[in-house]
N, C-alpha and C. Protein backbone atom coordinates (compact mmCIF):
# COMPACT_ATOMS: atom_id res chain seq x y z
N MET A 1 -8.08 -13.47 -2.63
CA MET A 1 -7.11 -13.61 -1.55
C MET A 1 -5.73 -13.16 -2.02
N GLY A 2 -5.47 -13.36 -3.32
CA GLY A 2 -4.18 -12.93 -3.88
C GLY A 2 -3.97 -11.44 -3.75
N LEU A 3 -5.02 -10.65 -4.01
CA LEU A 3 -4.90 -9.19 -3.86
C LEU A 3 -4.64 -8.80 -2.42
N ILE A 4 -5.29 -9.48 -1.49
CA ILE A 4 -5.09 -9.19 -0.08
C ILE A 4 -3.64 -9.48 0.31
N LEU A 5 -3.13 -10.63 -0.08
CA LEU A 5 -1.75 -10.98 0.24
C LEU A 5 -0.76 -10.03 -0.42
N PHE A 6 -1.02 -9.69 -1.69
CA PHE A 6 -0.15 -8.75 -2.40
C PHE A 6 -0.16 -7.39 -1.70
N GLY A 7 -1.34 -6.94 -1.29
CA GLY A 7 -1.45 -5.66 -0.59
C GLY A 7 -0.67 -5.65 0.71
N PHE A 8 -0.78 -6.73 1.48
CA PHE A 8 -0.02 -6.80 2.72
C PHE A 8 1.48 -6.86 2.45
N LEU A 9 1.88 -7.60 1.44
CA LEU A 9 3.29 -7.66 1.07
C LEU A 9 3.81 -6.26 0.76
N PHE A 10 3.05 -5.52 -0.02
CA PHE A 10 3.43 -4.15 -0.38
C PHE A 10 3.52 -3.26 0.85
N ARG A 11 2.50 -3.32 1.72
CA ARG A 11 2.48 -2.49 2.94
C ARG A 11 3.64 -2.82 3.86
N ILE A 12 3.85 -4.10 4.10
CA ILE A 12 4.92 -4.52 5.01
C ILE A 12 6.28 -4.08 4.48
N SER A 13 6.51 -4.32 3.21
CA SER A 13 7.77 -3.94 2.60
C SER A 13 7.99 -2.43 2.65
N ALA A 14 6.96 -1.68 2.30
CA ALA A 14 7.09 -0.21 2.27
C ALA A 14 7.32 0.35 3.67
N ARG A 15 6.56 -0.12 4.62
CA ARG A 15 6.68 0.40 5.99
C ARG A 15 8.07 0.09 6.55
N GLY A 16 8.49 -1.16 6.44
CA GLY A 16 9.80 -1.54 6.96
C GLY A 16 10.94 -0.84 6.25
N TYR A 17 10.83 -0.77 4.93
CA TYR A 17 11.88 -0.14 4.13
C TYR A 17 12.03 1.33 4.50
N LYS A 18 10.91 2.00 4.65
CA LYS A 18 10.94 3.43 5.00
C LYS A 18 11.55 3.64 6.38
N GLU A 19 11.14 2.83 7.34
CA GLU A 19 11.70 2.97 8.69
C GLU A 19 13.20 2.75 8.70
N GLU A 20 13.65 1.82 7.88
CA GLU A 20 15.08 1.50 7.84
C GLU A 20 15.90 2.54 7.09
N LYS A 21 15.35 3.13 6.05
CA LYS A 21 16.14 3.98 5.15
C LYS A 21 15.94 5.50 5.34
N SER A 22 14.92 5.92 6.07
CA SER A 22 14.60 7.35 6.08
C SER A 22 15.38 8.17 7.10
N SER A 23 16.18 7.53 7.93
CA SER A 23 16.93 8.25 8.97
C SER A 23 16.00 9.13 9.80
N ASN A 24 14.94 8.52 10.30
CA ASN A 24 13.93 9.22 11.11
C ASN A 24 13.31 10.41 10.38
N GLY A 25 13.07 10.24 9.10
CA GLY A 25 12.42 11.29 8.30
C GLY A 25 13.36 12.33 7.74
N ASN A 26 14.66 12.15 7.94
CA ASN A 26 15.63 13.13 7.46
C ASN A 26 16.17 12.81 6.07
N ALA A 27 15.80 11.67 5.51
CA ALA A 27 16.24 11.30 4.17
C ALA A 27 15.03 10.90 3.34
N LEU A 28 15.03 11.31 2.09
CA LEU A 28 13.95 10.96 1.17
C LEU A 28 14.20 9.56 0.63
N VAL A 29 13.25 8.66 0.84
CA VAL A 29 13.38 7.29 0.38
C VAL A 29 12.84 7.23 -1.05
N LYS A 30 13.71 6.84 -1.99
CA LYS A 30 13.33 6.82 -3.41
C LYS A 30 13.54 5.46 -4.06
N ASP A 31 14.00 4.50 -3.32
CA ASP A 31 14.25 3.18 -3.89
C ASP A 31 13.38 2.14 -3.20
N GLY A 32 13.63 0.87 -3.50
CA GLY A 32 12.77 -0.18 -2.94
C GLY A 32 11.34 0.02 -3.43
N PRO A 33 10.35 -0.19 -2.57
CA PRO A 33 8.96 -0.02 -2.99
C PRO A 33 8.64 1.42 -3.38
N TYR A 34 9.44 2.37 -2.89
CA TYR A 34 9.21 3.78 -3.21
C TYR A 34 9.72 4.14 -4.61
N ALA A 35 10.40 3.22 -5.27
CA ALA A 35 10.77 3.40 -6.68
C ALA A 35 9.62 2.97 -7.57
N VAL A 36 8.73 2.13 -7.05
CA VAL A 36 7.60 1.60 -7.81
C VAL A 36 6.45 2.59 -7.83
N ILE A 37 6.20 3.21 -6.68
CA ILE A 37 5.07 4.13 -6.51
C ILE A 37 5.37 5.05 -5.34
N ARG A 38 4.89 6.28 -5.40
CA ARG A 38 5.18 7.25 -4.34
C ARG A 38 4.49 6.92 -3.02
N ASN A 39 3.38 6.25 -3.07
CA ASN A 39 2.61 5.95 -1.86
C ASN A 39 2.37 4.45 -1.73
N PRO A 40 3.43 3.67 -1.54
CA PRO A 40 3.24 2.22 -1.55
C PRO A 40 2.38 1.68 -0.40
N MET A 41 2.40 2.32 0.76
CA MET A 41 1.55 1.83 1.84
C MET A 41 0.08 2.04 1.52
N TYR A 42 -0.26 3.18 0.94
CA TYR A 42 -1.65 3.44 0.56
C TYR A 42 -2.07 2.51 -0.58
N PHE A 43 -1.16 2.28 -1.51
CA PHE A 43 -1.45 1.36 -2.61
C PHE A 43 -1.72 -0.05 -2.05
N GLY A 44 -0.90 -0.47 -1.09
CA GLY A 44 -1.11 -1.76 -0.46
C GLY A 44 -2.45 -1.83 0.23
N THR A 45 -2.82 -0.77 0.92
CA THR A 45 -4.13 -0.71 1.58
C THR A 45 -5.25 -0.81 0.56
N PHE A 46 -5.09 -0.14 -0.57
CA PHE A 46 -6.10 -0.20 -1.64
C PHE A 46 -6.22 -1.63 -2.18
N MET A 47 -5.10 -2.31 -2.35
CA MET A 47 -5.13 -3.70 -2.83
C MET A 47 -5.81 -4.62 -1.81
N ILE A 48 -5.53 -4.42 -0.54
CA ILE A 48 -6.17 -5.22 0.51
C ILE A 48 -7.67 -5.01 0.48
N GLY A 49 -8.09 -3.75 0.45
CA GLY A 49 -9.52 -3.43 0.40
C GLY A 49 -10.19 -3.98 -0.84
N THR A 50 -9.52 -3.87 -1.97
CA THR A 50 -10.08 -4.40 -3.22
C THR A 50 -10.25 -5.91 -3.13
N GLY A 51 -9.26 -6.58 -2.58
CA GLY A 51 -9.35 -8.02 -2.41
C GLY A 51 -10.50 -8.43 -1.51
N VAL A 52 -10.66 -7.73 -0.41
CA VAL A 52 -11.76 -8.03 0.52
C VAL A 52 -13.10 -7.80 -0.17
N VAL A 53 -13.23 -6.68 -0.86
CA VAL A 53 -14.49 -6.36 -1.55
C VAL A 53 -14.81 -7.43 -2.59
N MET A 54 -13.82 -7.83 -3.37
CA MET A 54 -14.06 -8.82 -4.42
C MET A 54 -14.40 -10.20 -3.86
N MET A 55 -13.85 -10.53 -2.71
CA MET A 55 -14.14 -11.84 -2.12
C MET A 55 -15.53 -11.88 -1.46
N LEU A 56 -15.90 -10.79 -0.82
CA LEU A 56 -17.07 -10.84 0.05
C LEU A 56 -18.31 -10.15 -0.47
N LEU A 57 -18.16 -9.21 -1.35
CA LEU A 57 -19.29 -8.38 -1.74
C LEU A 57 -19.53 -8.45 -3.24
N GLU A 58 -20.57 -7.81 -3.64
CA GLU A 58 -20.88 -7.71 -5.07
C GLU A 58 -19.83 -6.84 -5.76
N PRO A 59 -19.50 -7.16 -7.01
CA PRO A 59 -18.47 -6.39 -7.72
C PRO A 59 -18.75 -4.88 -7.79
N TRP A 60 -20.01 -4.47 -7.85
CA TRP A 60 -20.31 -3.04 -7.94
C TRP A 60 -19.84 -2.30 -6.68
N PHE A 61 -19.71 -3.03 -5.58
CA PHE A 61 -19.30 -2.40 -4.33
C PHE A 61 -17.87 -1.86 -4.41
N PHE A 62 -17.09 -2.37 -5.38
CA PHE A 62 -15.73 -1.87 -5.59
C PHE A 62 -15.74 -0.36 -5.84
N PHE A 63 -16.72 0.13 -6.58
CA PHE A 63 -16.78 1.56 -6.89
C PHE A 63 -17.07 2.39 -5.64
N LEU A 64 -17.92 1.88 -4.78
CA LEU A 64 -18.20 2.56 -3.51
C LEU A 64 -16.94 2.54 -2.64
N PHE A 65 -16.30 1.40 -2.53
CA PHE A 65 -15.05 1.30 -1.76
C PHE A 65 -14.01 2.29 -2.31
N SER A 66 -13.86 2.35 -3.62
CA SER A 66 -12.88 3.25 -4.24
C SER A 66 -13.17 4.70 -3.91
N ALA A 67 -14.44 5.08 -3.97
CA ALA A 67 -14.83 6.46 -3.66
C ALA A 67 -14.49 6.81 -2.20
N VAL A 68 -14.82 5.92 -1.29
CA VAL A 68 -14.52 6.16 0.13
C VAL A 68 -13.01 6.20 0.35
N PHE A 69 -12.30 5.29 -0.27
CA PHE A 69 -10.84 5.26 -0.15
C PHE A 69 -10.25 6.60 -0.61
N LEU A 70 -10.70 7.08 -1.77
CA LEU A 70 -10.18 8.34 -2.30
C LEU A 70 -10.53 9.52 -1.42
N LEU A 71 -11.73 9.53 -0.87
CA LEU A 71 -12.12 10.61 0.04
C LEU A 71 -11.24 10.66 1.29
N ILE A 72 -10.81 9.51 1.73
CA ILE A 72 -9.96 9.45 2.93
C ILE A 72 -8.50 9.73 2.59
N TYR A 73 -7.99 9.09 1.54
CA TYR A 73 -6.55 9.12 1.29
C TYR A 73 -6.05 10.23 0.38
N LEU A 74 -6.86 10.74 -0.54
CA LEU A 74 -6.38 11.83 -1.40
C LEU A 74 -5.98 13.07 -0.59
N PRO A 75 -6.81 13.53 0.35
CA PRO A 75 -6.38 14.69 1.15
C PRO A 75 -5.09 14.40 1.94
N GLN A 76 -4.96 13.18 2.43
CA GLN A 76 -3.75 12.81 3.18
C GLN A 76 -2.53 12.84 2.27
N MET A 77 -2.67 12.32 1.04
CA MET A 77 -1.56 12.34 0.08
C MET A 77 -1.15 13.77 -0.26
N ARG A 78 -2.15 14.64 -0.45
CA ARG A 78 -1.83 16.05 -0.76
C ARG A 78 -1.08 16.71 0.39
N LYS A 79 -1.54 16.46 1.60
CA LYS A 79 -0.90 17.02 2.79
C LYS A 79 0.54 16.53 2.91
N GLU A 80 0.76 15.24 2.73
CA GLU A 80 2.11 14.68 2.81
C GLU A 80 3.00 15.20 1.70
N GLU A 81 2.44 15.33 0.49
CA GLU A 81 3.24 15.83 -0.63
C GLU A 81 3.69 17.27 -0.39
N LYS A 82 2.80 18.08 0.14
CA LYS A 82 3.15 19.47 0.44
C LYS A 82 4.29 19.53 1.45
N MET A 83 4.20 18.70 2.49
CA MET A 83 5.23 18.65 3.52
C MET A 83 6.57 18.17 2.94
N LEU A 84 6.51 17.17 2.05
CA LEU A 84 7.74 16.64 1.45
C LEU A 84 8.39 17.65 0.50
N ILE A 85 7.58 18.43 -0.20
CA ILE A 85 8.13 19.49 -1.06
C ILE A 85 8.84 20.53 -0.21
N GLU A 86 8.21 20.89 0.91
CA GLU A 86 8.83 21.88 1.81
C GLU A 86 10.14 21.34 2.40
N ARG A 87 10.15 20.06 2.74
CA ARG A 87 11.31 19.46 3.40
C ARG A 87 12.44 19.14 2.43
N PHE A 88 12.12 18.59 1.24
CA PHE A 88 13.15 18.10 0.33
C PHE A 88 13.27 18.87 -0.97
N GLY A 89 12.35 19.81 -1.24
CA GLY A 89 12.45 20.70 -2.39
C GLY A 89 12.58 20.02 -3.73
N ASP A 90 13.63 20.41 -4.48
CA ASP A 90 13.83 19.92 -5.84
C ASP A 90 14.08 18.42 -5.90
N GLU A 91 14.69 17.86 -4.88
CA GLU A 91 14.91 16.42 -4.85
C GLU A 91 13.57 15.68 -4.89
N TYR A 92 12.59 16.15 -4.13
CA TYR A 92 11.28 15.51 -4.12
C TYR A 92 10.55 15.78 -5.44
N LYS A 93 10.67 16.96 -5.99
CA LYS A 93 10.02 17.27 -7.27
C LYS A 93 10.55 16.36 -8.38
N GLU A 94 11.85 16.10 -8.39
CA GLU A 94 12.43 15.20 -9.38
C GLU A 94 11.93 13.77 -9.16
N TYR A 95 11.85 13.36 -7.92
CA TYR A 95 11.31 12.04 -7.58
C TYR A 95 9.87 11.92 -8.09
N CYS A 96 9.08 12.96 -7.90
CA CYS A 96 7.69 12.97 -8.37
C CYS A 96 7.62 12.86 -9.90
N ARG A 97 8.54 13.50 -10.56
CA ARG A 97 8.56 13.45 -12.02
C ARG A 97 8.84 12.04 -12.53
N LEU A 98 9.62 11.28 -11.79
CA LEU A 98 10.04 9.95 -12.23
C LEU A 98 9.17 8.80 -11.69
N THR A 99 8.40 9.05 -10.65
CA THR A 99 7.71 7.96 -9.95
C THR A 99 6.20 8.16 -9.98
N PRO A 100 5.44 7.15 -10.40
CA PRO A 100 3.99 7.26 -10.43
C PRO A 100 3.39 7.54 -9.04
N LYS A 101 2.30 8.28 -9.05
CA LYS A 101 1.68 8.67 -7.78
C LYS A 101 0.66 7.65 -7.29
N TYR A 102 -0.18 7.14 -8.18
CA TYR A 102 -1.30 6.31 -7.74
C TYR A 102 -1.19 4.83 -8.08
N PHE A 103 -0.71 4.51 -9.27
CA PHE A 103 -0.62 3.12 -9.70
C PHE A 103 0.75 2.85 -10.30
N PRO A 104 1.37 1.75 -9.90
CA PRO A 104 2.71 1.43 -10.43
C PRO A 104 2.67 1.14 -11.92
N ARG A 105 3.80 1.37 -12.57
CA ARG A 105 3.92 1.01 -13.97
C ARG A 105 3.99 -0.51 -14.07
N VAL A 106 3.47 -1.06 -15.16
CA VAL A 106 3.42 -2.50 -15.35
C VAL A 106 4.82 -3.12 -15.35
N ASP A 107 5.79 -2.44 -15.97
CA ASP A 107 7.14 -3.02 -16.02
C ASP A 107 7.74 -3.19 -14.63
N TYR A 108 7.40 -2.31 -13.70
CA TYR A 108 7.86 -2.47 -12.32
C TYR A 108 7.17 -3.66 -11.66
N LEU A 109 5.87 -3.79 -11.90
CA LEU A 109 5.13 -4.90 -11.30
C LEU A 109 5.62 -6.25 -11.82
N LEU A 110 6.04 -6.29 -13.07
CA LEU A 110 6.55 -7.53 -13.64
C LEU A 110 7.90 -7.93 -13.02
N ASN A 111 8.60 -6.94 -12.49
CA ASN A 111 9.90 -7.20 -11.83
C ASN A 111 9.84 -6.83 -10.36
N ILE A 112 8.71 -7.07 -9.72
CA ILE A 112 8.45 -6.62 -8.36
C ILE A 112 9.48 -7.17 -7.37
N ASN A 113 10.02 -8.36 -7.63
CA ASN A 113 11.00 -8.92 -6.70
C ASN A 113 12.27 -8.08 -6.61
N ASN A 114 12.50 -7.18 -7.56
CA ASN A 114 13.65 -6.27 -7.49
C ASN A 114 13.40 -5.10 -6.54
N TYR A 115 12.15 -4.88 -6.16
CA TYR A 115 11.80 -3.69 -5.39
C TYR A 115 11.22 -4.01 -4.01
N ILE A 116 10.66 -5.19 -3.85
CA ILE A 116 9.99 -5.55 -2.62
C ILE A 116 10.86 -6.54 -1.84
N SER A 117 11.02 -6.27 -0.57
CA SER A 117 11.75 -7.19 0.29
C SER A 117 11.03 -7.29 1.63
N LEU A 118 11.30 -8.34 2.35
CA LEU A 118 10.69 -8.55 3.66
C LEU A 118 11.76 -8.95 4.65
N LYS A 119 11.62 -8.44 5.83
CA LYS A 119 12.46 -8.87 6.95
C LYS A 119 11.51 -9.27 8.07
N PRO A 120 11.86 -10.29 8.82
CA PRO A 120 10.94 -10.80 9.85
C PRO A 120 10.42 -9.73 10.80
N PHE A 121 11.26 -8.81 11.24
CA PHE A 121 10.78 -7.81 12.19
C PHE A 121 9.86 -6.77 11.53
N TRP A 122 9.91 -6.63 10.21
CA TRP A 122 8.95 -5.77 9.51
C TRP A 122 7.57 -6.40 9.57
N VAL A 123 7.51 -7.72 9.42
CA VAL A 123 6.24 -8.44 9.39
C VAL A 123 5.51 -8.29 10.72
N LYS A 124 6.25 -8.26 11.81
CA LYS A 124 5.64 -8.15 13.14
C LYS A 124 4.70 -6.96 13.27
N LYS A 125 5.04 -5.85 12.65
CA LYS A 125 4.24 -4.63 12.78
C LYS A 125 2.90 -4.71 12.06
N GLU A 126 2.79 -5.57 11.07
CA GLU A 126 1.54 -5.74 10.31
C GLU A 126 0.88 -7.08 10.59
N PHE A 127 1.49 -7.91 11.43
CA PHE A 127 1.02 -9.26 11.64
C PHE A 127 -0.40 -9.32 12.19
N VAL A 128 -0.70 -8.50 13.18
CA VAL A 128 -2.03 -8.52 13.79
C VAL A 128 -3.09 -8.10 12.78
N SER A 129 -2.84 -7.06 12.00
CA SER A 129 -3.83 -6.63 11.01
C SER A 129 -3.98 -7.68 9.91
N PHE A 130 -2.91 -8.35 9.54
CA PHE A 130 -2.98 -9.40 8.53
C PHE A 130 -3.82 -10.57 9.04
N ILE A 131 -3.52 -11.06 10.21
CA ILE A 131 -4.25 -12.19 10.78
C ILE A 131 -5.72 -11.82 10.98
N THR A 132 -5.98 -10.62 11.47
CA THR A 132 -7.37 -10.17 11.66
C THR A 132 -8.12 -10.15 10.34
N THR A 133 -7.50 -9.62 9.30
CA THR A 133 -8.14 -9.58 7.97
C THR A 133 -8.45 -10.97 7.46
N VAL A 134 -7.49 -11.86 7.55
CA VAL A 134 -7.69 -13.24 7.08
C VAL A 134 -8.80 -13.92 7.87
N ILE A 135 -8.79 -13.78 9.19
CA ILE A 135 -9.83 -14.41 10.02
C ILE A 135 -11.21 -13.87 9.69
N VAL A 136 -11.33 -12.54 9.55
CA VAL A 136 -12.62 -11.94 9.22
C VAL A 136 -13.12 -12.43 7.87
N VAL A 137 -12.25 -12.48 6.89
CA VAL A 137 -12.65 -12.96 5.55
C VAL A 137 -13.11 -14.41 5.64
N ILE A 138 -12.36 -15.23 6.33
CA ILE A 138 -12.73 -16.65 6.45
C ILE A 138 -14.05 -16.80 7.19
N LEU A 139 -14.23 -16.08 8.28
CA LEU A 139 -15.48 -16.17 9.04
C LEU A 139 -16.69 -15.72 8.21
N ILE A 140 -16.52 -14.66 7.44
CA ILE A 140 -17.63 -14.19 6.60
C ILE A 140 -17.92 -15.21 5.51
N GLU A 141 -16.88 -15.80 4.93
CA GLU A 141 -17.09 -16.85 3.91
C GLU A 141 -17.83 -18.05 4.52
N ILE A 142 -17.43 -18.47 5.71
CA ILE A 142 -18.10 -19.59 6.38
C ILE A 142 -19.55 -19.23 6.65
N TRP A 143 -19.79 -18.03 7.16
CA TRP A 143 -21.16 -17.56 7.44
C TRP A 143 -22.01 -17.59 6.18
N GLU A 144 -21.45 -17.14 5.06
CA GLU A 144 -22.19 -17.14 3.79
C GLU A 144 -22.54 -18.55 3.35
N HIS A 145 -21.62 -19.49 3.52
CA HIS A 145 -21.89 -20.88 3.12
C HIS A 145 -22.92 -21.54 4.04
N VAL A 146 -22.81 -21.26 5.32
CA VAL A 146 -23.76 -21.84 6.29
C VAL A 146 -25.15 -21.28 6.06
N ARG A 147 -25.22 -19.99 5.81
CA ARG A 147 -26.51 -19.31 5.61
C ARG A 147 -27.13 -19.78 4.33
C-alpha cells in the first residue's frame, strides 16, 4: 500500500506542479518533481502498478507488469522527448544530462520533501483514480480472504 500511496503522491505533485509552472507548455519545468526524474507522472504510475501487483498477485507477475508498462510508456517517452528537444533545444538537452530518465537518484528520494508538494486542488484531479484504486485493492483483498 505504501508504494501505491507514494506513486499517487508523485503523480499528483508532478501533474499539479507542471500545470502551475509550465505556462501552458511554453516553459520547460525543471524543478520540483521534475528535478528528481524527467517523467515523474510515469514513474508514479509505475509505483502504483508495482504496489498493486505486490499486494494482489504473485511476485513473478511484477516482471509481466513491467514488460507491459515499458511497451506502453517507452514509445510515449520517446515521442515526448523528441517534441521537447524540438521545442526547447539545448535547454532540454542540458536538463536531460542532469536529470535521470527512468529512476530517481537515491539522494533525491532521501530528501523527497524538498521536491514534492501538494495543493488541495491538485489532489482533486487524481482523487477519483486514487479512491478507485484503493477500493479495488480492498475488495480484491476481501474476496481473497473470503474465498
